[in-house]
PDB file of all heavy atoms in Angstrom:
ATOM      1  N   ASP A   1      90.764-188.318 -25.040  1.00  0.00           N
ATOM      2  CA  ASP A   1      90.656-189.736 -24.976  1.00  0.00           C
ATOM      3  C   ASP A   1      91.811-190.317 -25.920  1.00  0.00           C
ATOM      4  O   ASP A   1      92.518-191.236 -25.588  1.00  0.00           O
ATOM      5  CB  ASP A   1      89.368-190.260 -25.415  1.00  0.00           C
ATOM      6  CG  ASP A   1      88.323-190.071 -24.305  1.00  0.00           C
ATOM      7  OD1 ASP A   1      88.683-189.702 -23.066  1.00  0.00           O
ATOM      8  OD2 ASP A   1      87.100-190.300 -24.559  1.00  0.00           O
ATOM      9  N   ALA A   2      91.798-189.768 -27.116  1.00  0.00           N
ATOM     10  CA  ALA A   2      92.875-190.214 -28.193  1.00  0.00           C
ATOM     11  C   ALA A   2      94.254-189.943 -27.583  1.00  0.00           C
ATOM     12  O   ALA A   2      95.205-190.832 -27.789  1.00  0.00           O
ATOM     13  CB  ALA A   2      92.600-189.574 -29.409  1.00  0.00           C
ATOM     14  N   GLY A   3      94.512-188.765 -26.919  1.00  0.00           N
ATOM     15  CA  GLY A   3      95.769-188.534 -26.410  1.00  0.00           C
ATOM     16  C   GLY A   3      96.158-189.436 -25.302  1.00  0.00           C
ATOM     17  O   GLY A   3      97.323-189.829 -25.206  1.00  0.00           O
ATOM     18  N   GLN A   4      95.283-189.737 -24.419  1.00  0.00           N
ATOM     19  CA  GLN A   4      95.526-190.543 -23.300  1.00  0.00           C
ATOM     20  C   GLN A   4      95.846-192.040 -23.776  1.00  0.00           C
ATOM     21  O   GLN A   4      96.661-192.733 -23.251  1.00  0.00           O
ATOM     22  CB  GLN A   4      94.493-190.594 -22.282  1.00  0.00           C
ATOM     23  CG  GLN A   4      94.275-189.301 -21.569  1.00  0.00           C
ATOM     24  CD  GLN A   4      95.574-188.915 -20.753  1.00  0.00           C
ATOM     25  OE1 GLN A   4      95.898-189.606 -19.725  1.00  0.00           O
ATOM     26  NE2 GLN A   4      96.242-187.772 -21.040  1.00  0.00           N
ATOM     27  N   ALA A   5      95.169-192.498 -24.853  1.00  0.00           N
ATOM     28  CA  ALA A   5      95.415-193.728 -25.404  1.00  0.00           C
ATOM     29  C   ALA A   5      96.772-193.848 -26.068  1.00  0.00           C
ATOM     30  O   ALA A   5      97.534-194.838 -25.867  1.00  0.00           O
ATOM     31  CB  ALA A   5      94.338-194.035 -26.476  1.00  0.00           C
ATOM     32  N   ARG A   6      97.213-192.763 -26.679  1.00  0.00           N
ATOM     33  CA  ARG A   6      98.593-192.611 -27.232  1.00  0.00           C
ATOM     34  C   ARG A   6      99.594-192.603 -26.153  1.00  0.00           C
ATOM     35  O   ARG A   6     100.621-193.394 -26.289  1.00  0.00           O
ATOM     36  CB  ARG A   6      98.719-191.329 -27.992  1.00  0.00           C
ATOM     37  CG  ARG A   6     100.096-191.110 -28.592  1.00  0.00           C
ATOM     38  CD  ARG A   6     100.182-189.712 -29.234  1.00  0.00           C
ATOM     39  NE  ARG A   6     101.509-189.463 -29.775  1.00  0.00           N
ATOM     40  CZ  ARG A   6     101.962-188.195 -30.058  1.00  0.00           C
ATOM     41  NH1 ARG A   6     101.145-187.175 -29.916  1.00  0.00           N
ATOM     42  NH2 ARG A   6     103.188-188.052 -30.579  1.00  0.00           N
ATOM     43  N   LEU A   7      99.298-192.033 -25.033  1.00  0.00           N
ATOM     44  CA  LEU A   7     100.218-191.937 -23.886  1.00  0.00           C
ATOM     45  C   LEU A   7     100.353-193.429 -23.251  1.00  0.00           C
ATOM     46  O   LEU A   7     101.377-193.786 -22.972  1.00  0.00           O
ATOM     47  CB  LEU A   7      99.758-190.989 -22.795  1.00  0.00           C
ATOM     48  CG  LEU A   7     100.577-190.710 -21.617  1.00  0.00           C
ATOM     49  CD1 LEU A   7     101.962-190.261 -21.904  1.00  0.00           C
ATOM     50  CD2 LEU A   7      99.967-189.852 -20.594  1.00  0.00           C
ATOM     51  N   ARG A   8      99.196-194.010 -23.163  1.00  0.00           N
ATOM     52  CA  ARG A   8      99.249-195.401 -22.571  1.00  0.00           C
ATOM     53  C   ARG A   8     100.046-196.362 -23.458  1.00  0.00           C
ATOM     54  O   ARG A   8     100.854-197.137 -22.939  1.00  0.00           O
ATOM     55  CB  ARG A   8      97.808-195.860 -22.404  1.00  0.00           C
ATOM     56  CG  ARG A   8      97.738-197.299 -21.819  1.00  0.00           C
ATOM     57  CD  ARG A   8      96.332-197.766 -21.698  1.00  0.00           C
ATOM     58  NE  ARG A   8      96.263-199.223 -21.153  1.00  0.00           N
ATOM     59  CZ  ARG A   8      96.253-199.522 -19.911  1.00  0.00           C
ATOM     60  NH1 ARG A   8      96.298-198.483 -18.971  1.00  0.00           N
ATOM     61  NH2 ARG A   8      96.218-200.774 -19.457  1.00  0.00           N
ATOM     62  N   ASP A   9      99.925-196.150 -24.750  1.00  0.00           N
ATOM     63  CA  ASP A   9     100.658-197.098 -25.685  1.00  0.00           C
ATOM     64  C   ASP A   9     102.176-196.817 -25.505  1.00  0.00           C
ATOM     65  O   ASP A   9     102.921-197.702 -25.565  1.00  0.00           O
ATOM     66  CB  ASP A   9     100.275-196.881 -27.143  1.00  0.00           C
ATOM     67  CG  ASP A   9      98.887-197.469 -27.371  1.00  0.00           C
ATOM     68  OD1 ASP A   9      98.421-198.354 -26.620  1.00  0.00           O
ATOM     69  OD2 ASP A   9      98.291-197.088 -28.426  1.00  0.00           O
ATOM     70  N   TYR A  10     102.548-195.455 -25.426  1.00  0.00           N
ATOM     71  CA  TYR A  10     103.968-195.093 -25.265  1.00  0.00           C
ATOM     72  C   TYR A  10     104.525-195.864 -23.964  1.00  0.00           C
ATOM     73  O   TYR A  10     105.562-196.512 -23.919  1.00  0.00           O
ATOM     74  CB  TYR A  10     104.066-193.680 -25.182  1.00  0.00           C
ATOM     75  CG  TYR A  10     105.506-193.287 -24.564  1.00  0.00           C
ATOM     76  CD1 TYR A  10     106.679-193.336 -25.435  1.00  0.00           C
ATOM     77  CD2 TYR A  10     105.582-192.789 -23.322  1.00  0.00           C
ATOM     78  CE1 TYR A  10     107.909-192.948 -24.886  1.00  0.00           C
ATOM     79  CE2 TYR A  10     106.756-192.412 -22.869  1.00  0.00           C
ATOM     80  CZ  TYR A  10     107.883-192.533 -23.618  1.00  0.00           C
ATOM     81  OH  TYR A  10     109.089-192.261 -23.140  1.00  0.00           O
ATOM     82  N   VAL A  11     103.830-195.599 -22.835  1.00  0.00           N
ATOM     83  CA  VAL A  11     104.238-196.052 -21.489  1.00  0.00           C
ATOM     84  C   VAL A  11     104.344-197.593 -21.534  1.00  0.00           C
ATOM     85  O   VAL A  11     105.309-198.094 -21.022  1.00  0.00           O
ATOM     86  CB  VAL A  11     103.373-195.502 -20.406  1.00  0.00           C
ATOM     87  CG1 VAL A  11     103.739-196.155 -19.061  1.00  0.00           C
ATOM     88  CG2 VAL A  11     103.405-194.002 -20.311  1.00  0.00           C
ATOM     89  N   LYS A  12     103.390-198.252 -22.097  1.00  0.00           N
ATOM     90  CA  LYS A  12     103.451-199.726 -22.147  1.00  0.00           C
ATOM     91  C   LYS A  12     104.693-200.132 -22.964  1.00  0.00           C
ATOM     92  O   LYS A  12     105.377-201.214 -22.621  1.00  0.00           O
ATOM     93  CB  LYS A  12     102.250-200.304 -22.818  1.00  0.00           C
ATOM     94  CG  LYS A  12     100.922-200.235 -21.948  1.00  0.00           C
ATOM     95  CD  LYS A  12      99.699-200.645 -22.730  1.00  0.00           C
ATOM     96  CE  LYS A  12      99.820-202.076 -23.253  1.00  0.00           C
ATOM     97  NZ  LYS A  12      98.601-202.408 -24.054  1.00  0.00           N
ATOM     98  N   GLY A  13     105.036-199.428 -23.968  1.00  0.00           N
ATOM     99  CA  GLY A  13     106.270-199.724 -24.673  1.00  0.00           C
ATOM    100  C   GLY A  13     107.537-199.495 -23.810  1.00  0.00           C
ATOM    101  O   GLY A  13     108.460-200.441 -23.958  1.00  0.00           O
ATOM    102  N   VAL A  14     107.593-198.595 -22.903  1.00  0.00           N
ATOM    103  CA  VAL A  14     108.678-198.348 -22.026  1.00  0.00           C
ATOM    104  C   VAL A  14     108.721-199.573 -20.994  1.00  0.00           C
ATOM    105  O   VAL A  14     109.777-200.114 -20.803  1.00  0.00           O
ATOM    106  CB  VAL A  14     108.483-197.034 -21.267  1.00  0.00           C
ATOM    107  CG1 VAL A  14     109.521-196.936 -20.149  1.00  0.00           C
ATOM    108  CG2 VAL A  14     108.645-195.894 -22.172  1.00  0.00           C
ATOM    109  N   PHE A  15     107.529-199.906 -20.516  1.00  0.00           N
ATOM    110  CA  PHE A  15     107.502-201.145 -19.623  1.00  0.00           C
ATOM    111  C   PHE A  15     108.196-202.318 -20.272  1.00  0.00           C
ATOM    112  O   PHE A  15     109.009-203.009 -19.823  1.00  0.00           O
ATOM    113  CB  PHE A  15     106.087-201.426 -19.234  1.00  0.00           C
ATOM    114  CG  PHE A  15     105.432-200.427 -18.296  1.00  0.00           C
ATOM    115  CD1 PHE A  15     104.015-200.377 -18.206  1.00  0.00           C
ATOM    116  CD2 PHE A  15     106.153-199.621 -17.558  1.00  0.00           C
ATOM    117  CE1 PHE A  15     103.447-199.452 -17.415  1.00  0.00           C
ATOM    118  CE2 PHE A  15     105.585-198.751 -16.632  1.00  0.00           C
ATOM    119  CZ  PHE A  15     104.245-198.687 -16.510  1.00  0.00           C
ATOM    120  N   ALA A  16     107.696-202.579 -21.482  1.00  0.00           N
ATOM    121  CA  ALA A  16     108.211-203.788 -22.223  1.00  0.00           C
ATOM    122  C   ALA A  16     109.691-203.720 -22.510  1.00  0.00           C
ATOM    123  O   ALA A  16     110.367-204.692 -22.437  1.00  0.00           O
ATOM    124  CB  ALA A  16     107.464-203.915 -23.608  1.00  0.00           C
ATOM    125  N   ASP A  17     110.247-202.554 -22.761  1.00  0.00           N
ATOM    126  CA  ASP A  17     111.674-202.435 -23.001  1.00  0.00           C
ATOM    127  C   ASP A  17     112.518-202.472 -21.674  1.00  0.00           C
ATOM    128  O   ASP A  17     113.686-203.057 -21.726  1.00  0.00           O
ATOM    129  CB  ASP A  17     111.936-200.935 -23.609  1.00  0.00           C
ATOM    130  CG  ASP A  17     111.537-200.902 -25.104  1.00  0.00           C
ATOM    131  OD1 ASP A  17     111.273-201.982 -25.687  1.00  0.00           O
ATOM    132  OD2 ASP A  17     111.432-199.796 -25.571  1.00  0.00           O
ATOM    133  N   VAL A  18     111.993-201.988 -20.559  1.00  0.00           N
ATOM    134  CA  VAL A  18     112.745-201.846 -19.321  1.00  0.00           C
ATOM    135  C   VAL A  18     112.668-203.294 -18.554  1.00  0.00           C
ATOM    136  O   VAL A  18     113.665-203.691 -18.031  1.00  0.00           O
ATOM    137  CB  VAL A  18     112.290-200.762 -18.427  1.00  0.00           C
ATOM    138  CG1 VAL A  18     112.784-200.801 -17.110  1.00  0.00           C
ATOM    139  CG2 VAL A  18     112.618-199.419 -19.125  1.00  0.00           C
ATOM    140  N   LEU A  19     111.549-203.789 -18.556  1.00  0.00           N
ATOM    141  CA  LEU A  19     111.323-205.091 -17.704  1.00  0.00           C
ATOM    142  C   LEU A  19     111.825-206.348 -18.513  1.00  0.00           C
ATOM    143  O   LEU A  19     111.784-206.308 -19.714  1.00  0.00           O
ATOM    144  CB  LEU A  19     109.844-205.280 -17.325  1.00  0.00           C
ATOM    145  CG  LEU A  19     109.290-204.263 -16.312  1.00  0.00           C
ATOM    146  CD1 LEU A  19     107.882-204.370 -16.232  1.00  0.00           C
ATOM    147  CD2 LEU A  19     109.859-204.393 -14.970  1.00  0.00           C
ATOM    148  N   PRO A  20     112.308-207.325 -17.785  1.00  0.00           N
ATOM    149  CA  PRO A  20     112.623-208.652 -18.396  1.00  0.00           C
ATOM    150  C   PRO A  20     111.509-209.104 -19.183  1.00  0.00           C
ATOM    151  O   PRO A  20     110.310-208.962 -18.945  1.00  0.00           O
ATOM    152  CB  PRO A  20     113.032-209.537 -17.361  1.00  0.00           C
ATOM    153  CG  PRO A  20     113.418-208.536 -16.134  1.00  0.00           C
ATOM    154  CD  PRO A  20     112.545-207.386 -16.314  1.00  0.00           C
ATOM    155  N   LYS A  21     111.802-209.827 -20.311  1.00  0.00           N
ATOM    156  CA  LYS A  21     110.825-210.533 -21.257  1.00  0.00           C
ATOM    157  C   LYS A  21     109.860-211.420 -20.373  1.00  0.00           C
ATOM    158  O   LYS A  21     110.312-212.179 -19.568  1.00  0.00           O
ATOM    159  CB  LYS A  21     111.447-211.234 -22.266  1.00  0.00           C
ATOM    160  CG  LYS A  21     110.519-211.710 -23.316  1.00  0.00           C
ATOM    161  CD  LYS A  21     111.227-212.513 -24.567  1.00  0.00           C
ATOM    162  CE  LYS A  21     110.284-212.921 -25.538  1.00  0.00           C
ATOM    163  NZ  LYS A  21     110.910-213.603 -26.646  1.00  0.00           N
ATOM    164  N   GLY A  22     108.526-211.248 -20.560  1.00  0.00           N
ATOM    165  CA  GLY A  22     107.548-212.079 -19.952  1.00  0.00           C
ATOM    166  C   GLY A  22     107.166-211.628 -18.588  1.00  0.00           C
ATOM    167  O   GLY A  22     106.307-212.275 -17.887  1.00  0.00           O
ATOM    168  N   TRP A  23     107.616-210.390 -18.148  1.00  0.00           N
ATOM    169  CA  TRP A  23     107.179-209.932 -16.859  1.00  0.00           C
ATOM    170  C   TRP A  23     106.064-208.983 -16.861  1.00  0.00           C
ATOM    171  O   TRP A  23     105.576-208.681 -15.718  1.00  0.00           O
ATOM    172  CB  TRP A  23     108.500-209.085 -16.218  1.00  0.00           C
ATOM    173  CG  TRP A  23     109.475-209.940 -15.605  1.00  0.00           C
ATOM    174  CD1 TRP A  23     109.849-211.275 -15.910  1.00  0.00           C
ATOM    175  CD2 TRP A  23     110.268-209.619 -14.467  1.00  0.00           C
ATOM    176  NE1 TRP A  23     110.813-211.743 -15.100  1.00  0.00           N
ATOM    177  CE2 TRP A  23     111.172-210.746 -14.234  1.00  0.00           C
ATOM    178  CE3 TRP A  23     110.329-208.423 -13.695  1.00  0.00           C
ATOM    179  CZ2 TRP A  23     112.015-210.705 -13.093  1.00  0.00           C
ATOM    180  CZ3 TRP A  23     111.251-208.457 -12.641  1.00  0.00           C
ATOM    181  CH2 TRP A  23     112.114-209.544 -12.397  1.00  0.00           C
ATOM    182  N   LEU A  24     105.449-208.508 -17.943  1.00  0.00           N
ATOM    183  CA  LEU A  24     104.342-207.652 -17.916  1.00  0.00           C
ATOM    184  C   LEU A  24     103.176-208.276 -17.280  1.00  0.00           C
ATOM    185  O   LEU A  24     102.920-209.410 -17.602  1.00  0.00           O
ATOM    186  CB  LEU A  24     104.053-207.207 -19.368  1.00  0.00           C
ATOM    187  CG  LEU A  24     105.146-206.278 -20.076  1.00  0.00           C
ATOM    188  CD1 LEU A  24     104.564-205.826 -21.351  1.00  0.00           C
ATOM    189  CD2 LEU A  24     105.423-205.018 -19.097  1.00  0.00           C
ATOM    190  N   PRO A  25     102.450-207.582 -16.465  1.00  0.00           N
ATOM    191  CA  PRO A  25     101.252-207.949 -15.980  1.00  0.00           C
ATOM    192  C   PRO A  25      99.958-207.963 -16.899  1.00  0.00           C
ATOM    193  O   PRO A  25     100.185-207.523 -18.001  1.00  0.00           O
ATOM    194  CB  PRO A  25     100.965-207.096 -14.733  1.00  0.00           C
ATOM    195  CG  PRO A  25     101.523-205.804 -15.172  1.00  0.00           C
ATOM    196  CD  PRO A  25     102.767-206.127 -16.005  1.00  0.00           C
ATOM    197  N   ALA A  26      98.879-208.474 -16.496  1.00  0.00           N
ATOM    198  CA  ALA A  26      97.636-208.341 -17.258  1.00  0.00           C
ATOM    199  C   ALA A  26      97.348-206.870 -17.525  1.00  0.00           C
ATOM    200  O   ALA A  26      97.765-205.945 -16.815  1.00  0.00           O
ATOM    201  CB  ALA A  26      96.454-208.969 -16.429  1.00  0.00           C
ATOM    202  N   GLU A  27      96.698-206.691 -18.732  1.00  0.00           N
ATOM    203  CA  GLU A  27      96.331-205.371 -19.159  1.00  0.00           C
ATOM    204  C   GLU A  27      95.669-204.488 -18.137  1.00  0.00           C
ATOM    205  O   GLU A  27      95.864-203.342 -17.952  1.00  0.00           O
ATOM    206  CB  GLU A  27      95.435-205.429 -20.422  1.00  0.00           C
ATOM    207  CG  GLU A  27      95.146-204.100 -20.943  1.00  0.00           C
ATOM    208  CD  GLU A  27      96.246-203.391 -21.823  1.00  0.00           C
ATOM    209  OE1 GLU A  27      97.258-204.143 -22.090  1.00  0.00           O
ATOM    210  OE2 GLU A  27      96.223-202.211 -21.986  1.00  0.00           O
ATOM    211  N   ASP A  28      94.728-205.104 -17.285  1.00  0.00           N
ATOM    212  CA  ASP A  28      93.979-204.428 -16.248  1.00  0.00           C
ATOM    213  C   ASP A  28      94.863-204.111 -15.068  1.00  0.00           C
ATOM    214  O   ASP A  28      94.236-203.448 -14.151  1.00  0.00           O
ATOM    215  CB  ASP A  28      92.641-205.142 -15.895  1.00  0.00           C
ATOM    216  CG  ASP A  28      92.914-206.412 -15.394  1.00  0.00           C
ATOM    217  OD1 ASP A  28      94.008-207.009 -15.276  1.00  0.00           O
ATOM    218  OD2 ASP A  28      91.919-206.995 -14.791  1.00  0.00           O
ATOM    219  N   LYS A  29      96.110-204.514 -15.021  1.00  0.00           N
ATOM    220  CA  LYS A  29      96.955-204.260 -13.842  1.00  0.00           C
ATOM    221  C   LYS A  29      98.054-203.224 -14.390  1.00  0.00           C
ATOM    222  O   LYS A  29      99.061-203.001 -13.579  1.00  0.00           O
ATOM    223  CB  LYS A  29      97.581-205.546 -13.394  1.00  0.00           C
ATOM    224  CG  LYS A  29      96.687-206.535 -12.757  1.00  0.00           C
ATOM    225  CD  LYS A  29      95.802-205.928 -11.705  1.00  0.00           C
ATOM    226  CE  LYS A  29      94.833-206.939 -11.055  1.00  0.00           C
ATOM    227  NZ  LYS A  29      94.033-206.392  -9.984  1.00  0.00           N
ATOM    228  N   ILE A  30      97.901-202.660 -15.494  1.00  0.00           N
ATOM    229  CA  ILE A  30      98.725-201.591 -15.933  1.00  0.00           C
ATOM    230  C   ILE A  30      97.977-200.228 -15.799  1.00  0.00           C
ATOM    231  O   ILE A  30      96.905-200.035 -16.514  1.00  0.00           O
ATOM    232  CB  ILE A  30      99.161-201.889 -17.498  1.00  0.00           C
ATOM    233  CG1 ILE A  30     100.074-203.050 -17.537  1.00  0.00           C
ATOM    234  CG2 ILE A  30      99.953-200.618 -17.940  1.00  0.00           C
ATOM    235  CD1 ILE A  30     100.493-203.461 -18.844  1.00  0.00           C
ATOM    236  N   TYR A  31      98.517-199.288 -15.003  1.00  0.00           N
ATOM    237  CA  TYR A  31      97.773-198.140 -14.817  1.00  0.00           C
ATOM    238  C   TYR A  31      98.593-196.944 -15.271  1.00  0.00           C
ATOM    239  O   TYR A  31      99.725-196.673 -14.801  1.00  0.00           O
ATOM    240  CB  TYR A  31      97.591-197.916 -13.217  1.00  0.00           C
ATOM    241  CG  TYR A  31      96.773-199.076 -12.617  1.00  0.00           C
ATOM    242  CD1 TYR A  31      97.504-200.192 -12.102  1.00  0.00           C
ATOM    243  CD2 TYR A  31      95.372-199.089 -12.677  1.00  0.00           C
ATOM    244  CE1 TYR A  31      96.740-201.214 -11.548  1.00  0.00           C
ATOM    245  CE2 TYR A  31      94.699-200.145 -12.070  1.00  0.00           C
ATOM    246  CZ  TYR A  31      95.381-201.230 -11.467  1.00  0.00           C
ATOM    247  OH  TYR A  31      94.727-202.236 -10.940  1.00  0.00           O
ATOM    248  N   VAL A  32      98.132-196.223 -16.180  1.00  0.00           N
ATOM    249  CA  VAL A  32      98.715-194.993 -16.808  1.00  0.00           C
ATOM    250  C   VAL A  32      97.889-193.806 -16.500  1.00  0.00           C
ATOM    251  O   VAL A  32      96.759-193.731 -16.973  1.00  0.00           O
ATOM    252  CB  VAL A  32      99.085-195.206 -18.250  1.00  0.00           C
ATOM    253  CG1 VAL A  32      99.756-193.971 -18.787  1.00  0.00           C
ATOM    254  CG2 VAL A  32      99.923-196.368 -18.508  1.00  0.00           C
ATOM    255  N   ASN A  33      98.322-192.850 -15.773  1.00  0.00           N
ATOM    256  CA  ASN A  33      97.522-191.616 -15.374  1.00  0.00           C
ATOM    257  C   ASN A  33      96.130-192.070 -14.955  1.00  0.00           C
ATOM    258  O   ASN A  33      95.157-191.713 -15.606  1.00  0.00           O
ATOM    259  CB  ASN A  33      97.435-190.592 -16.558  1.00  0.00           C
ATOM    260  CG  ASN A  33      98.780-189.839 -16.674  1.00  0.00           C
ATOM    261  OD1 ASN A  33      99.767-190.169 -16.038  1.00  0.00           O
ATOM    262  ND2 ASN A  33      98.674-188.831 -17.535  1.00  0.00           N
ATOM    263  N   PRO A  34      96.013-192.770 -13.875  1.00  0.00           N
ATOM    264  CA  PRO A  34      94.694-193.286 -13.493  1.00  0.00           C
ATOM    265  C   PRO A  34      93.711-192.274 -13.014  1.00  0.00           C
ATOM    266  O   PRO A  34      92.550-192.567 -12.914  1.00  0.00           O
ATOM    267  CB  PRO A  34      95.061-194.232 -12.277  1.00  0.00           C
ATOM    268  CG  PRO A  34      96.406-193.897 -11.870  1.00  0.00           C
ATOM    269  CD  PRO A  34      97.149-193.417 -13.080  1.00  0.00           C
ATOM    270  N   THR A  35      94.226-190.990 -12.749  1.00  0.00           N
ATOM    271  CA  THR A  35      93.370-189.912 -12.542  1.00  0.00           C
ATOM    272  C   THR A  35      92.554-189.370 -13.717  1.00  0.00           C
ATOM    273  O   THR A  35      91.577-188.721 -13.639  1.00  0.00           O
ATOM    274  CB  THR A  35      93.999-188.709 -11.866  1.00  0.00           C
ATOM    275  OG1 THR A  35      94.998-188.280 -12.743  1.00  0.00           O
ATOM    276  CG2 THR A  35      94.550-189.133 -10.475  1.00  0.00           C
ATOM    277  N   GLY A  36      93.135-189.694 -14.837  1.00  0.00           N
ATOM    278  CA  GLY A  36      92.545-189.282 -16.175  1.00  0.00           C
ATOM    279  C   GLY A  36      93.467-188.285 -16.872  1.00  0.00           C
ATOM    280  O   GLY A  36      93.851-188.617 -18.083  1.00  0.00           O
ATOM    281  N   LEU A  37      93.841-187.186 -16.316  1.00  0.00           N
ATOM    282  CA  LEU A  37      94.580-186.185 -16.950  1.00  0.00           C
ATOM    283  C   LEU A  37      95.762-185.754 -15.988  1.00  0.00           C
ATOM    284  O   LEU A  37      95.505-185.777 -14.850  1.00  0.00           O
ATOM    285  CB  LEU A  37      93.847-184.902 -17.431  1.00  0.00           C
ATOM    286  CG  LEU A  37      92.693-185.119 -18.391  1.00  0.00           C
ATOM    287  CD1 LEU A  37      91.993-183.814 -18.707  1.00  0.00           C
ATOM    288  CD2 LEU A  37      93.307-185.723 -19.679  1.00  0.00           C
ATOM    289  N   PHE A  38      96.791-185.247 -16.477  1.00  0.00           N
ATOM    290  CA  PHE A  38      97.913-184.726 -15.624  1.00  0.00           C
ATOM    291  C   PHE A  38      98.591-183.685 -16.528  1.00  0.00           C
ATOM    292  O   PHE A  38      99.753-183.764 -16.879  1.00  0.00           O
ATOM    293  CB  PHE A  38      98.859-185.931 -15.319  1.00  0.00           C
ATOM    294  CG  PHE A  38      99.886-185.522 -14.325  1.00  0.00           C
ATOM    295  CD1 PHE A  38     100.900-186.541 -13.880  1.00  0.00           C
ATOM    296  CD2 PHE A  38     100.019-184.261 -13.721  1.00  0.00           C
ATOM    297  CE1 PHE A  38     101.823-186.334 -12.916  1.00  0.00           C
ATOM    298  CE2 PHE A  38     101.025-183.954 -12.807  1.00  0.00           C
ATOM    299  CZ  PHE A  38     101.865-185.026 -12.402  1.00  0.00           C
ATOM    300  N   GLU A  39      97.897-182.516 -16.804  1.00  0.00           N
ATOM    301  CA  GLU A  39      98.486-181.524 -17.568  1.00  0.00           C
ATOM    302  C   GLU A  39      99.178-180.456 -16.623  1.00  0.00           C
ATOM    303  O   GLU A  39     100.198-179.847 -16.869  1.00  0.00           O
ATOM    304  CB  GLU A  39      97.357-180.813 -18.316  1.00  0.00           C
ATOM    305  CG  GLU A  39      97.991-179.796 -19.302  1.00  0.00           C
ATOM    306  CD  GLU A  39      96.857-179.257 -20.209  1.00  0.00           C
ATOM    307  OE1 GLU A  39      95.893-179.867 -20.403  1.00  0.00           O
ATOM    308  OE2 GLU A  39      97.031-177.942 -20.582  1.00  0.00           O
ATOM    309  N   ILE A  40      98.532-180.257 -15.474  1.00  0.00           N
ATOM    310  CA  ILE A  40      99.138-179.207 -14.497  1.00  0.00           C
ATOM    311  C   ILE A  40     100.062-180.114 -13.519  1.00  0.00           C
ATOM    312  O   ILE A  40      99.466-180.929 -12.844  1.00  0.00           O
ATOM    313  CB  ILE A  40      97.982-178.553 -13.670  1.00  0.00           C
ATOM    314  CG1 ILE A  40      97.061-177.819 -14.642  1.00  0.00           C
ATOM    315  CG2 ILE A  40      98.663-177.559 -12.686  1.00  0.00           C
ATOM    316  CD1 ILE A  40      95.810-177.272 -13.849  1.00  0.00           C
ATOM    317  N   GLY A  41     101.247-179.695 -13.465  1.00  0.00           N
ATOM    318  CA  GLY A  41     102.171-180.553 -12.704  1.00  0.00           C
ATOM    319  C   GLY A  41     103.348-179.691 -12.241  1.00  0.00           C
ATOM    320  O   GLY A  41     103.448-178.518 -12.340  1.00  0.00           O
ATOM    321  N   GLY A  42     104.378-180.410 -11.742  1.00  0.00           N
ATOM    322  CA  GLY A  42     105.576-179.731 -11.261  1.00  0.00           C
ATOM    323  C   GLY A  42     105.325-178.804 -10.088  1.00  0.00           C
ATOM    324  O   GLY A  42     104.216-178.967  -9.352  1.00  0.00           O
TER     325      GLY A  42
END
């Protein structure tokens, strides 16, 4: 849980940097790893 919270904070920071100011949606419309975990990939 702590790791996924850290990941969410990081991704939200990327969103804020990349998108124009004022474009971010509501918190409940930001989805980061909605399945829960994504360790096995590629």
